[in-house]
Amino acid sequence: MEAYLSTIIFFLIFASFYSLTTLGLNLQWGFTGLFNVGIVGFYAIGAYTSAILTGPPYPDTLIGGLGLWFPIGFIGAMVTSGIAALIVGFITLRLREDFLAISTFGIGLSIQLVALNFESLTRGPNGMYSLPRPLSGISESNLVDNILYLILCLAIIGAVYWAFERMVRSPWGRVLRAIREDETASAALGKNVFAIRLQSFVVGSAVMGLAGAMQGNFIGFISPQDFLPIFTFQVFVMLIVGGSGNNMGALLGGLVVWGLWSFSEQVIGAVLPATFNTEAGAVRIVLIGLILALALLYRPEGILREKRIVSREARLS
């Protein structure tokens, strides 16, 4: 019984990382229409920032080994990812649709290559190990420690969800929707479209960096192989399935798609002959692609469709 409970807790913890990342993407793409395909890059920046701030000293790195308290690592991850998004956004956000997607995809790949080759900072392919897990060691049971970490993850998600709901229901959030629907009309009404797009990009990327830090410290090890482009594809599928433009749908999509991705490995392993075990990973990718195609065909609005936000002034009129 304890083994099953431990598996469920472990699954929910990982689902929280994906759901939080999907929530950040929802602000960018779901509400603002920013086609950011460099998600994994900001996720990696957050993970490496927290590792440098909270991890042990390494004999072959220039900086790091500060051993700071994990909240400082999480905050640092958000700040660093936000600054990176500010720089990237200032360069790329004047581009539109396909061009923005291509540029952000290239930046995401570049960040992964930097992590792979800048060994004096990231230890390259050797990775950064022995990262401290928050709230570990409080009890003598690893299961209890994982439950406490899950509670921490849920608390962080709850705080981000509450903040995002307040933001998208505010006048700023209504401007995001207006920009998504028609940038020209928004600019004609006197809105600084570029500045607001940049704000949405920075806030969403900071949340992605926070999710990366949470995963890195939970696993205790990160390497460039943890931040491949498939991660970006997964997060987009999660948002489309859950419901773009709906924060609760983003969280639900992360949970549902990660559940399908995780448990499909066991199903595929049981169905395929042992000689085809090496192809199981490719079958899982095909499965996720099939889910995306079916969602777009039969439920394009997602499990939870976008809510219609009515301003307070409109309700009173």
C-alpha atoms as a PDB file:
ATOM      1  CA  MET A   1       0.000   0.000   0.000  1.00  0.00           C
ATOM      2  CA  GLU A   2       2.797   2.401   0.867  1.00  0.00           C
ATOM      3  CA  ALA A   3       4.472   1.715  -2.486  1.00  0.00           C
ATOM      4  CA  TYR A   4       1.287   2.652  -4.384  1.00  0.00           C
ATOM      5  CA  LEU A   5       0.857   5.795  -2.316  1.00  0.00           C
ATOM      6  CA  SER A   6       4.482   6.752  -2.921  1.00  0.00           C
ATOM      7  CA  THR A   7       3.973   6.319  -6.691  1.00  0.00           C
ATOM      8  CA  ILE A   8       0.885   8.537  -6.643  1.00  0.00           C
ATOM      9  CA  ILE A   9       2.649  11.244  -4.634  1.00  0.00           C
ATOM     10  CA  PHE A  10       5.635  11.151  -6.981  1.00  0.00           C
ATOM     11  CA  PHE A  11       3.302  11.418  -9.986  1.00  0.00           C
ATOM     12  CA  LEU A  12       1.425  14.385  -8.506  1.00  0.00           C
ATOM     13  CA  ILE A  13       4.661  16.212  -7.721  1.00  0.00           C
ATOM     14  CA  PHE A  14       5.826  15.922 -11.311  1.00  0.00           C
ATOM     15  CA  ALA A  15       2.374  16.858 -12.575  1.00  0.00           C
ATOM     16  CA  SER A  16       2.638  20.050 -10.506  1.00  0.00           C
ATOM     17  CA  PHE A  17       5.818  21.045 -12.377  1.00  0.00           C
ATOM     18  CA  TYR A  18       4.093  20.623 -15.728  1.00  0.00           C
ATOM     19  CA  SER A  19       0.877  22.299 -14.597  1.00  0.00           C
ATOM     20  CA  LEU A  20       2.772  25.322 -13.294  1.00  0.00           C
ATOM     21  CA  THR A  21       4.688  25.604 -16.582  1.00  0.00           C
ATOM     22  CA  THR A  22       1.431  25.303 -18.521  1.00  0.00           C
ATOM     23  CA  LEU A  23      -0.025  28.086 -16.395  1.00  0.00           C
ATOM     24  CA  GLY A  24       2.855  30.337 -17.439  1.00  0.00           C
ATOM     25  CA  LEU A  25       2.335  29.445 -21.104  1.00  0.00           C
ATOM     26  CA  ASN A  26      -1.370  30.154 -20.768  1.00  0.00           C
ATOM     27  CA  LEU A  27      -0.633  33.755 -19.820  1.00  0.00           C
ATOM     28  CA  GLN A  28       1.612  34.126 -22.861  1.00  0.00           C
ATOM     29  CA  TRP A  29      -0.266  32.200 -25.514  1.00  0.00           C
ATOM     30  CA  GLY A  30      -3.742  31.651 -24.096  1.00  0.00           C
ATOM     31  CA  PHE A  31      -4.354  35.278 -23.118  1.00  0.00           C
ATOM     32  CA  THR A  32      -1.841  37.293 -25.159  1.00  0.00           C
ATOM     33  CA  GLY A  33      -1.342  35.185 -28.278  1.00  0.00           C
ATOM     34  CA  LEU A  34       2.451  34.930 -27.928  1.00  0.00           C
ATOM     35  CA  PHE A  35       3.703  31.805 -29.701  1.00  0.00           C
ATOM     36  CA  ASN A  36       6.607  31.060 -27.372  1.00  0.00           C
ATOM     37  CA  VAL A  37       8.334  27.836 -28.447  1.00  0.00           C
ATOM     38  CA  GLY A  38      11.318  28.370 -26.180  1.00  0.00           C
ATOM     39  CA  ILE A  39       9.617  27.178 -22.999  1.00  0.00           C
ATOM     40  CA  VAL A  40      12.268  24.618 -22.147  1.00  0.00           C
ATOM     41  CA  GLY A  41      14.965  27.310 -22.245  1.00  0.00           C
ATOM     42  CA  PHE A  42      13.393  29.369 -19.456  1.00  0.00           C
ATOM     43  CA  TYR A  43      12.639  26.168 -17.541  1.00  0.00           C
ATOM     44  CA  ALA A  44      16.344  25.275 -17.755  1.00  0.00           C
ATOM     45  CA  ILE A  45      17.452  28.748 -16.663  1.00  0.00           C
ATOM     46  CA  GLY A  46      15.337  28.427 -13.534  1.00  0.00           C
ATOM     47  CA  ALA A  47      16.662  24.958 -12.754  1.00  0.00           C
ATOM     48  CA  TYR A  48      20.313  25.943 -13.166  1.00  0.00           C
ATOM     49  CA  THR A  49      19.889  29.190 -11.220  1.00  0.00           C
ATOM     50  CA  SER A  50      18.433  27.368  -8.234  1.00  0.00           C
ATOM     51  CA  ALA A  51      21.141  24.691  -8.505  1.00  0.00           C
ATOM     52  CA  ILE A  52      23.882  27.332  -8.427  1.00  0.00           C
ATOM     53  CA  LEU A  53      22.319  29.145  -5.476  1.00  0.00           C
ATOM     54  CA  THR A  54      21.362  26.158  -3.338  1.00  0.00           C
ATOM     55  CA  GLY A  55      23.717  23.374  -4.447  1.00  0.00           C
ATOM     56  CA  PRO A  56      26.999  22.206  -2.937  1.00  0.00           C
ATOM     57  CA  PRO A  57      30.402  23.442  -4.148  1.00  0.00           C
ATOM     58  CA  TYR A  58      31.870  21.700  -7.185  1.00  0.00           C
ATOM     59  CA  PRO A  59      35.635  21.605  -7.785  1.00  0.00           C
ATOM     60  CA  ASP A  60      35.317  22.327 -11.528  1.00  0.00           C
ATOM     61  CA  THR A  61      32.934  25.325 -11.591  1.00  0.00           C
ATOM     62  CA  LEU A  62      33.552  29.060 -11.384  1.00  0.00           C
ATOM     63  CA  ILE A  63      30.587  29.922  -9.182  1.00  0.00           C
ATOM     64  CA  GLY A  64      28.038  28.013  -7.187  1.00  0.00           C
ATOM     65  CA  GLY A  65      28.034  25.982  -4.047  1.00  0.00           C
ATOM     66  CA  LEU A  66      26.424  28.820  -2.126  1.00  0.00           C
ATOM     67  CA  GLY A  67      24.207  26.455  -0.167  1.00  0.00           C
ATOM     68  CA  LEU A  68      21.473  29.043   0.275  1.00  0.00           C
ATOM     69  CA  TRP A  69      17.983  28.332   1.583  1.00  0.00           C
ATOM     70  CA  PHE A  70      15.660  26.938  -1.096  1.00  0.00           C
ATOM     71  CA  PRO A  71      13.235  29.933  -1.181  1.00  0.00           C
ATOM     72  CA  ILE A  72      16.186  32.073  -2.272  1.00  0.00           C
ATOM     73  CA  GLY A  73      16.898  29.570  -5.032  1.00  0.00           C
ATOM     74  CA  PHE A  74      13.260  29.654  -6.181  1.00  0.00           C
ATOM     75  CA  ILE A  75      13.104  33.450  -6.127  1.00  0.00           C
ATOM     76  CA  GLY A  76      16.451  33.662  -7.910  1.00  0.00           C
ATOM     77  CA  ALA A  77      15.138  31.276 -10.569  1.00  0.00           C
ATOM     78  CA  MET A  78      12.146  33.533 -11.203  1.00  0.00           C
ATOM     79  CA  VAL A  79      14.303  36.660 -11.340  1.00  0.00           C
ATOM     80  CA  THR A  80      16.883  35.144 -13.689  1.00  0.00           C
ATOM     81  CA  SER A  81      14.253  33.646 -15.997  1.00  0.00           C
ATOM     82  CA  GLY A  82      12.386  36.947 -15.988  1.00  0.00           C
ATOM     83  CA  ILE A  83      15.536  38.903 -16.897  1.00  0.00           C
ATOM     84  CA  ALA A  84      16.328  36.426 -19.673  1.00  0.00           C
ATOM     85  CA  ALA A  85      12.760  36.792 -20.960  1.00  0.00           C
ATOM     86  CA  LEU A  86      13.092  40.573 -20.838  1.00  0.00           C
ATOM     87  CA  ILE A  87      16.193  40.442 -23.031  1.00  0.00           C
ATOM     88  CA  VAL A  88      14.757  37.824 -25.391  1.00  0.00           C
ATOM     89  CA  GLY A  89      11.388  39.550 -25.569  1.00  0.00           C
ATOM     90  CA  PHE A  90      12.890  42.941 -26.288  1.00  0.00           C
ATOM     91  CA  ILE A  91      14.619  41.403 -29.306  1.00  0.00           C
ATOM     92  CA  THR A  92      11.901  39.059 -30.592  1.00  0.00           C
ATOM     93  CA  LEU A  93       8.447  40.308 -29.597  1.00  0.00           C
ATOM     94  CA  ARG A  94       8.173  42.690 -32.525  1.00  0.00           C
ATOM     95  CA  LEU A  95       8.000  39.560 -34.667  1.00  0.00           C
ATOM     96  CA  ARG A  96       4.682  37.889 -35.340  1.00  0.00           C
ATOM     97  CA  GLU A  97       3.387  34.318 -35.238  1.00  0.00           C
ATOM     98  CA  ASP A  98       5.663  31.975 -37.216  1.00  0.00           C
ATOM     99  CA  PHE A  99       8.676  34.273 -37.005  1.00  0.00           C
ATOM    100  CA  LEU A 100       8.289  34.599 -33.235  1.00  0.00           C
ATOM    101  CA  ALA A 101       7.950  30.825 -32.915  1.00  0.00           C
ATOM    102  CA  ILE A 102      11.110  30.206 -34.948  1.00  0.00           C
ATOM    103  CA  SER A 103      13.140  32.752 -32.998  1.00  0.00           C
ATOM    104  CA  THR A 104      12.053  31.509 -29.563  1.00  0.00           C
ATOM    105  CA  PHE A 105      12.620  27.900 -30.608  1.00  0.00           C
ATOM    106  CA  GLY A 106      16.164  28.790 -31.627  1.00  0.00           C
ATOM    107  CA  ILE A 107      16.743  30.572 -28.326  1.00  0.00           C
ATOM    108  CA  GLY A 108      15.495  27.560 -26.391  1.00  0.00           C
ATOM    109  CA  LEU A 109      17.934  25.315 -28.265  1.00  0.00           C
ATOM    110  CA  SER A 110      20.732  27.823 -27.693  1.00  0.00           C
ATOM    111  CA  ILE A 111      20.148  27.805 -23.936  1.00  0.00           C
ATOM    112  CA  GLN A 112      20.351  24.005 -23.912  1.00  0.00           C
ATOM    113  CA  LEU A 113      23.597  24.151 -25.888  1.00  0.00           C
ATOM    114  CA  VAL A 114      25.025  26.709 -23.449  1.00  0.00           C
ATOM    115  CA  ALA A 115      24.178  24.362 -20.574  1.00  0.00           C
ATOM    116  CA  LEU A 116      25.898  21.548 -22.447  1.00  0.00           C
ATOM    117  CA  ASN A 117      29.107  23.426 -23.309  1.00  0.00           C
ATOM    118  CA  PHE A 118      29.602  26.037 -20.556  1.00  0.00           C
ATOM    119  CA  GLU A 119      31.118  23.435 -18.248  1.00  0.00           C
ATOM    120  CA  SER A 120      32.722  25.935 -15.877  1.00  0.00           C
ATOM    121  CA  LEU A 121      29.227  27.108 -14.926  1.00  0.00           C
ATOM    122  CA  THR A 122      26.890  24.160 -15.485  1.00  0.00           C
ATOM    123  CA  ARG A 123      29.346  21.204 -15.441  1.00  0.00           C
ATOM    124  CA  GLY A 124      28.150  20.423 -18.978  1.00  0.00           C
ATOM    125  CA  PRO A 125      27.044  16.831 -19.647  1.00  0.00           C
ATOM    126  CA  ASN A 126      28.182  15.777 -16.164  1.00  0.00           C
ATOM    127  CA  GLY A 127      25.319  17.740 -14.642  1.00  0.00           C
ATOM    128  CA  MET A 128      24.895  19.257 -11.200  1.00  0.00           C
ATOM    129  CA  TYR A 129      24.272  16.767  -8.412  1.00  0.00           C
ATOM    130  CA  SER A 130      23.440  16.617  -4.693  1.00  0.00           C
ATOM    131  CA  LEU A 131      20.974  19.486  -4.933  1.00  0.00           C
ATOM    132  CA  PRO A 132      19.126  19.876  -1.631  1.00  0.00           C
ATOM    133  CA  ARG A 133      15.490  18.809  -1.644  1.00  0.00           C
ATOM    134  CA  PRO A 134      13.254  21.285   0.215  1.00  0.00           C
ATOM    135  CA  LEU A 135      11.640  19.972   3.403  1.00  0.00           C
ATOM    136  CA  SER A 136      13.628  16.734   3.292  1.00  0.00           C
ATOM    137  CA  GLY A 137      14.916  15.275   6.527  1.00  0.00           C
ATOM    138  CA  ILE A 138      12.011  16.630   8.558  1.00  0.00           C
ATOM    139  CA  SER A 139      10.874  13.077   9.191  1.00  0.00           C
ATOM    140  CA  GLU A 140      12.543   9.697   8.968  1.00  0.00           C
ATOM    141  CA  SER A 141      10.192   8.637   6.180  1.00  0.00           C
ATOM    142  CA  ASN A 142      10.863   9.495   2.540  1.00  0.00           C
ATOM    143  CA  LEU A 143       7.117   9.217   1.889  1.00  0.00           C
ATOM    144  CA  VAL A 144       6.325  11.891   4.467  1.00  0.00           C
ATOM    145  CA  ASP A 145       8.998  14.153   3.003  1.00  0.00           C
ATOM    146  CA  ASN A 146       7.452  13.737  -0.453  1.00  0.00           C
ATOM    147  CA  ILE A 147       3.994  14.513   0.911  1.00  0.00           C
ATOM    148  CA  LEU A 148       5.347  17.706   2.473  1.00  0.00           C
ATOM    149  CA  TYR A 149       6.972  18.661  -0.821  1.00  0.00           C
ATOM    150  CA  LEU A 150       3.692  18.005  -2.639  1.00  0.00           C
ATOM    151  CA  ILE A 151       1.934  20.330  -0.205  1.00  0.00           C
ATOM    152  CA  LEU A 152       4.582  22.970  -0.933  1.00  0.00           C
ATOM    153  CA  CYS A 153       4.050  22.520  -4.688  1.00  0.00           C
ATOM    154  CA  LEU A 154       0.280  22.835  -4.317  1.00  0.00           C
ATOM    155  CA  ALA A 155       0.696  25.958  -2.199  1.00  0.00           C
ATOM    156  CA  ILE A 156       2.916  27.562  -4.861  1.00  0.00           C
ATOM    157  CA  ILE A 157       0.495  26.606  -7.632  1.00  0.00           C
ATOM    158  CA  GLY A 158      -2.401  27.986  -5.602  1.00  0.00           C
ATOM    159  CA  ALA A 159      -0.606  31.292  -5.083  1.00  0.00           C
ATOM    160  CA  VAL A 160       0.320  31.617  -8.783  1.00  0.00           C
ATOM    161  CA  TYR A 161      -3.199  30.636  -9.863  1.00  0.00           C
ATOM    162  CA  TRP A 162      -4.746  33.233  -7.545  1.00  0.00           C
ATOM    163  CA  ALA A 163      -2.365  35.908  -8.814  1.00  0.00           C
ATOM    164  CA  PHE A 164      -3.021  35.050 -12.461  1.00  0.00           C
ATOM    165  CA  GLU A 165      -6.779  35.056 -11.957  1.00  0.00           C
ATOM    166  CA  ARG A 166      -6.547  38.522 -10.438  1.00  0.00           C
ATOM    167  CA  MET A 167      -4.348  39.675 -13.302  1.00  0.00           C
ATOM    168  CA  VAL A 168      -6.485  38.395 -16.178  1.00  0.00           C
ATOM    169  CA  ARG A 169      -9.657  39.795 -14.604  1.00  0.00           C
ATOM    170  CA  SER A 170      -8.090  43.224 -14.213  1.00  0.00           C
ATOM    171  CA  PRO A 171      -8.051  45.940 -16.906  1.00  0.00           C
ATOM    172  CA  TRP A 172      -4.543  44.724 -17.786  1.00  0.00           C
ATOM    173  CA  GLY A 173      -5.919  41.250 -18.444  1.00  0.00           C
ATOM    174  CA  ARG A 174      -8.647  42.624 -20.689  1.00  0.00           C
ATOM    175  CA  VAL A 175      -5.975  44.437 -22.695  1.00  0.00           C
ATOM    176  CA  LEU A 176      -4.150  41.110 -23.098  1.00  0.00           C
ATOM    177  CA  ARG A 177      -7.238  39.613 -24.711  1.00  0.00           C
ATOM    178  CA  ALA A 178      -7.678  42.649 -26.909  1.00  0.00           C
ATOM    179  CA  ILE A 179      -4.092  42.351 -28.134  1.00  0.00           C
ATOM    180  CA  ARG A 180      -4.579  38.660 -28.798  1.00  0.00           C
ATOM    181  CA  GLU A 181      -7.649  39.352 -30.920  1.00  0.00           C
ATOM    182  CA  ASP A 182      -6.477  42.476 -32.772  1.00  0.00           C
ATOM    183  CA  GLU A 183      -3.187  44.239 -32.090  1.00  0.00           C
ATOM    184  CA  THR A 184      -3.904  47.022 -34.568  1.00  0.00           C
ATOM    185  CA  ALA A 185      -7.176  47.942 -32.918  1.00  0.00           C
ATOM    186  CA  SER A 186      -5.523  47.868 -29.478  1.00  0.00           C
ATOM    187  CA  ALA A 187      -2.767  50.190 -30.650  1.00  0.00           C
ATOM    188  CA  ALA A 188      -5.366  52.496 -32.186  1.00  0.00           C
ATOM    189  CA  LEU A 189      -7.001  52.783 -28.753  1.00  0.00           C
ATOM    190  CA  GLY A 190      -3.722  54.059 -27.313  1.00  0.00           C
ATOM    191  CA  LYS A 191      -2.382  50.843 -25.775  1.00  0.00           C
ATOM    192  CA  ASN A 192       1.353  50.207 -25.813  1.00  0.00           C
ATOM    193  CA  VAL A 193       1.096  46.793 -27.422  1.00  0.00           C
ATOM    194  CA  PHE A 194       4.810  45.967 -27.333  1.00  0.00           C
ATOM    195  CA  ALA A 195       5.175  46.861 -23.638  1.00  0.00           C
ATOM    196  CA  ILE A 196       2.173  44.782 -22.607  1.00  0.00           C
ATOM    197  CA  ARG A 197       3.269  41.809 -24.719  1.00  0.00           C
ATOM    198  CA  LEU A 198       6.684  42.070 -23.079  1.00  0.00           C
ATOM    199  CA  GLN A 199       5.162  42.161 -19.581  1.00  0.00           C
ATOM    200  CA  SER A 200       3.139  39.016 -20.289  1.00  0.00           C
ATOM    201  CA  PHE A 201       6.206  37.281 -21.729  1.00  0.00           C
ATOM    202  CA  VAL A 202       8.357  38.114 -18.696  1.00  0.00           C
ATOM    203  CA  VAL A 203       5.780  37.062 -16.089  1.00  0.00           C
ATOM    204  CA  GLY A 204       4.983  33.775 -17.859  1.00  0.00           C
ATOM    205  CA  SER A 205       8.670  32.927 -18.306  1.00  0.00           C
ATOM    206  CA  ALA A 206       9.411  33.685 -14.652  1.00  0.00           C
ATOM    207  CA  VAL A 207       6.802  31.097 -13.656  1.00  0.00           C
ATOM    208  CA  MET A 208       8.377  28.589 -16.048  1.00  0.00           C
ATOM    209  CA  GLY A 209      11.734  29.216 -14.368  1.00  0.00           C
ATOM    210  CA  LEU A 210      10.149  28.632 -10.963  1.00  0.00           C
ATOM    211  CA  ALA A 211       8.799  25.271 -12.139  1.00  0.00           C
ATOM    212  CA  GLY A 212      12.260  24.308 -13.394  1.00  0.00           C
ATOM    213  CA  ALA A 213      13.793  25.158 -10.031  1.00  0.00           C
ATOM    214  CA  MET A 214      11.169  23.092  -8.223  1.00  0.00           C
ATOM    215  CA  GLN A 215      11.933  20.055 -10.365  1.00  0.00           C
ATOM    216  CA  GLY A 216      15.703  20.415 -10.125  1.00  0.00           C
ATOM    217  CA  ASN A 217      15.706  20.599  -6.346  1.00  0.00           C
ATOM    218  CA  PHE A 218      13.225  17.748  -6.024  1.00  0.00           C
ATOM    219  CA  ILE A 219      15.216  15.345  -8.213  1.00  0.00           C
ATOM    220  CA  GLY A 220      18.541  16.539  -6.819  1.00  0.00           C
ATOM    221  CA  PHE A 221      20.275  16.355 -10.202  1.00  0.00           C
ATOM    222  CA  ILE A 222      20.038  18.280 -13.478  1.00  0.00           C
ATOM    223  CA  SER A 223      21.833  17.954 -16.798  1.00  0.00           C
ATOM    224  CA  PRO A 224      21.312  19.345 -20.309  1.00  0.00           C
ATOM    225  CA  GLN A 225      19.560  16.107 -21.296  1.00  0.00           C
ATOM    226  CA  ASP A 226      16.680  17.079 -18.998  1.00  0.00           C
ATOM    227  CA  PHE A 227      15.839  20.085 -21.186  1.00  0.00           C
ATOM    228  CA  LEU A 228      15.125  18.787 -24.664  1.00  0.00           C
ATOM    229  CA  PRO A 229      12.622  20.349 -27.138  1.00  0.00           C
ATOM    230  CA  ILE A 230      10.088  17.564 -26.496  1.00  0.00           C
ATOM    231  CA  PHE A 231       9.321  19.326 -23.202  1.00  0.00           C
ATOM    232  CA  THR A 232       7.975  22.372 -25.066  1.00  0.00           C
ATOM    233  CA  PHE A 233       5.798  20.139 -27.220  1.00  0.00           C
ATOM    234  CA  GLN A 234       4.369  18.419 -24.130  1.00  0.00           C
ATOM    235  CA  VAL A 235       3.466  21.710 -22.465  1.00  0.00           C
ATOM    236  CA  PHE A 236       1.680  22.996 -25.568  1.00  0.00           C
ATOM    237  CA  VAL A 237      -0.330  19.779 -25.778  1.00  0.00           C
ATOM    238  CA  MET A 238      -1.243  20.152 -22.106  1.00  0.00           C
ATOM    239  CA  LEU A 239      -2.558  23.667 -22.644  1.00  0.00           C
ATOM    240  CA  ILE A 240      -4.525  22.769 -25.771  1.00  0.00           C
ATOM    241  CA  VAL A 241      -6.101  19.730 -24.129  1.00  0.00           C
ATOM    242  CA  GLY A 242      -6.867  21.542 -20.871  1.00  0.00           C
ATOM    243  CA  GLY A 243      -8.215  24.711 -22.436  1.00  0.00           C
ATOM    244  CA  SER A 244      -6.286  27.704 -23.712  1.00  0.00           C
ATOM    245  CA  GLY A 245      -7.334  30.953 -22.053  1.00  0.00           C
ATOM    246  CA  ASN A 246      -8.536  29.186 -18.902  1.00  0.00           C
ATOM    247  CA  ASN A 247      -6.156  28.993 -15.933  1.00  0.00           C
ATOM    248  CA  MET A 248      -7.944  26.039 -14.375  1.00  0.00           C
ATOM    249  CA  GLY A 249      -7.896  24.322 -17.761  1.00  0.00           C
ATOM    250  CA  ALA A 250      -4.120  24.825 -17.917  1.00  0.00           C
ATOM    251  CA  LEU A 251      -3.702  23.080 -14.574  1.00  0.00           C
ATOM    252  CA  LEU A 252      -6.074  20.295 -15.551  1.00  0.00           C
ATOM    253  CA  GLY A 253      -4.355  19.780 -18.896  1.00  0.00           C
ATOM    254  CA  GLY A 254      -1.004  19.391 -17.171  1.00  0.00           C
ATOM    255  CA  LEU A 255      -2.435  16.715 -14.882  1.00  0.00           C
ATOM    256  CA  VAL A 256      -4.301  14.800 -17.600  1.00  0.00           C
ATOM    257  CA  VAL A 257      -1.594  14.747 -20.268  1.00  0.00           C
ATOM    258  CA  TRP A 258       1.175  13.963 -17.792  1.00  0.00           C
ATOM    259  CA  GLY A 259      -0.962  11.078 -16.529  1.00  0.00           C
ATOM    260  CA  LEU A 260      -1.361   9.745 -20.071  1.00  0.00           C
ATOM    261  CA  TRP A 261       2.359  10.209 -20.743  1.00  0.00           C
ATOM    262  CA  SER A 262       3.405   8.475 -17.516  1.00  0.00           C
ATOM    263  CA  PHE A 263       1.079   5.494 -17.498  1.00  0.00           C
ATOM    264  CA  SER A 264       1.258   4.906 -21.249  1.00  0.00           C
ATOM    265  CA  GLU A 265       4.810   3.633 -20.730  1.00  0.00           C
ATOM    266  CA  GLN A 266       3.508   0.702 -18.714  1.00  0.00           C
ATOM    267  CA  VAL A 267       0.702  -0.005 -21.174  1.00  0.00           C
ATOM    268  CA  ILE A 268       2.983   0.182 -24.205  1.00  0.00           C
ATOM    269  CA  GLY A 269       5.543  -2.021 -22.464  1.00  0.00           C
ATOM    270  CA  ALA A 270       2.865  -4.625 -21.785  1.00  0.00           C
ATOM    271  CA  VAL A 271       1.494  -4.554 -25.348  1.00  0.00           C
ATOM    272  CA  LEU A 272       4.698  -4.420 -27.382  1.00  0.00           C
ATOM    273  CA  PRO A 273       7.006  -7.460 -27.546  1.00  0.00           C
ATOM    274  CA  ALA A 274      10.184  -7.249 -25.505  1.00  0.00           C
ATOM    275  CA  THR A 275      12.223  -6.843 -28.675  1.00  0.00           C
ATOM    276  CA  PHE A 276      10.471  -3.517 -29.352  1.00  0.00           C
ATOM    277  CA  ASN A 277      11.068  -1.933 -25.944  1.00  0.00           C
ATOM    278  CA  THR A 278      13.487   0.579 -27.450  1.00  0.00           C
ATOM    279  CA  GLU A 279      10.671   1.892 -29.673  1.00  0.00           C
ATOM    280  CA  ALA A 280       8.371   2.562 -26.725  1.00  0.00           C
ATOM    281  CA  GLY A 281       9.544   6.166 -26.419  1.00  0.00           C
ATOM    282  CA  ALA A 282       8.649   6.871 -30.045  1.00  0.00           C
ATOM    283  CA  VAL A 283       5.221   5.288 -29.570  1.00  0.00           C
ATOM    284  CA  ARG A 284       4.567   7.584 -26.609  1.00  0.00           C
ATOM    285  CA  ILE A 285       5.377  10.635 -28.731  1.00  0.00           C
ATOM    286  CA  VAL A 286       3.003   9.378 -31.431  1.00  0.00           C
ATOM    287  CA  LEU A 287       0.343   8.885 -28.747  1.00  0.00           C
ATOM    288  CA  ILE A 288       0.674  12.470 -27.531  1.00  0.00           C
ATOM    289  CA  GLY A 289       0.499  13.690 -31.130  1.00  0.00           C
ATOM    290  CA  LEU A 290      -2.667  11.665 -31.627  1.00  0.00           C
ATOM    291  CA  ILE A 291      -4.193  13.165 -28.488  1.00  0.00           C
ATOM    292  CA  LEU A 292      -3.377  16.648 -29.797  1.00  0.00           C
ATOM    293  CA  ALA A 293      -4.960  15.904 -33.181  1.00  0.00           C
ATOM    294  CA  LEU A 294      -8.127  14.508 -31.594  1.00  0.00           C
ATOM    295  CA  ALA A 295      -8.370  17.473 -29.231  1.00  0.00           C
ATOM    296  CA  LEU A 296      -8.085  19.947 -32.099  1.00  0.00           C
ATOM    297  CA  LEU A 297     -10.685  18.069 -34.128  1.00  0.00           C
ATOM    298  CA  TYR A 298     -13.319  17.315 -31.514  1.00  0.00           C
ATOM    299  CA  ARG A 299     -12.634  19.710 -28.616  1.00  0.00           C
ATOM    300  CA  PRO A 300     -10.619  22.685 -29.933  1.00  0.00           C
ATOM    301  CA  GLU A 301     -11.594  24.809 -26.932  1.00  0.00           C
ATOM    302  CA  GLY A 302     -10.129  22.185 -24.561  1.00  0.00           C
ATOM    303  CA  ILE A 303     -11.655  20.407 -21.589  1.00  0.00           C
ATOM    304  CA  LEU A 304     -12.493  23.752 -19.985  1.00  0.00           C
ATOM    305  CA  ARG A 305     -13.281  26.491 -22.451  1.00  0.00           C
ATOM    306  CA  GLU A 306     -12.217  30.090 -21.955  1.00  0.00           C
ATOM    307  CA  LYS A 307     -14.306  32.031 -19.494  1.00  0.00           C
ATOM    308  CA  ARG A 308     -16.082  35.166 -20.615  1.00  0.00           C
ATOM    309  CA  ILE A 309     -14.869  37.926 -18.303  1.00  0.00           C
ATOM    310  CA  VAL A 310     -17.344  40.709 -17.655  1.00  0.00           C
ATOM    311  CA  SER A 311     -16.033  43.898 -16.119  1.00  0.00           C
ATOM    312  CA  ARG A 312     -17.500  45.260 -12.894  1.00  0.00           C
ATOM    313  CA  GLU A 313     -18.739  48.350 -14.731  1.00  0.00           C
ATOM    314  CA  ALA A 314     -20.593  46.177 -17.264  1.00  0.00           C
ATOM    315  CA  ARG A 315     -22.224  44.146 -14.501  1.00  0.00           C
ATOM    316  CA  LEU A 316     -23.459  47.283 -12.794  1.00  0.00           C
ATOM    317  CA  SER A 317     -24.826  48.859 -15.968  1.00  0.00           C
END
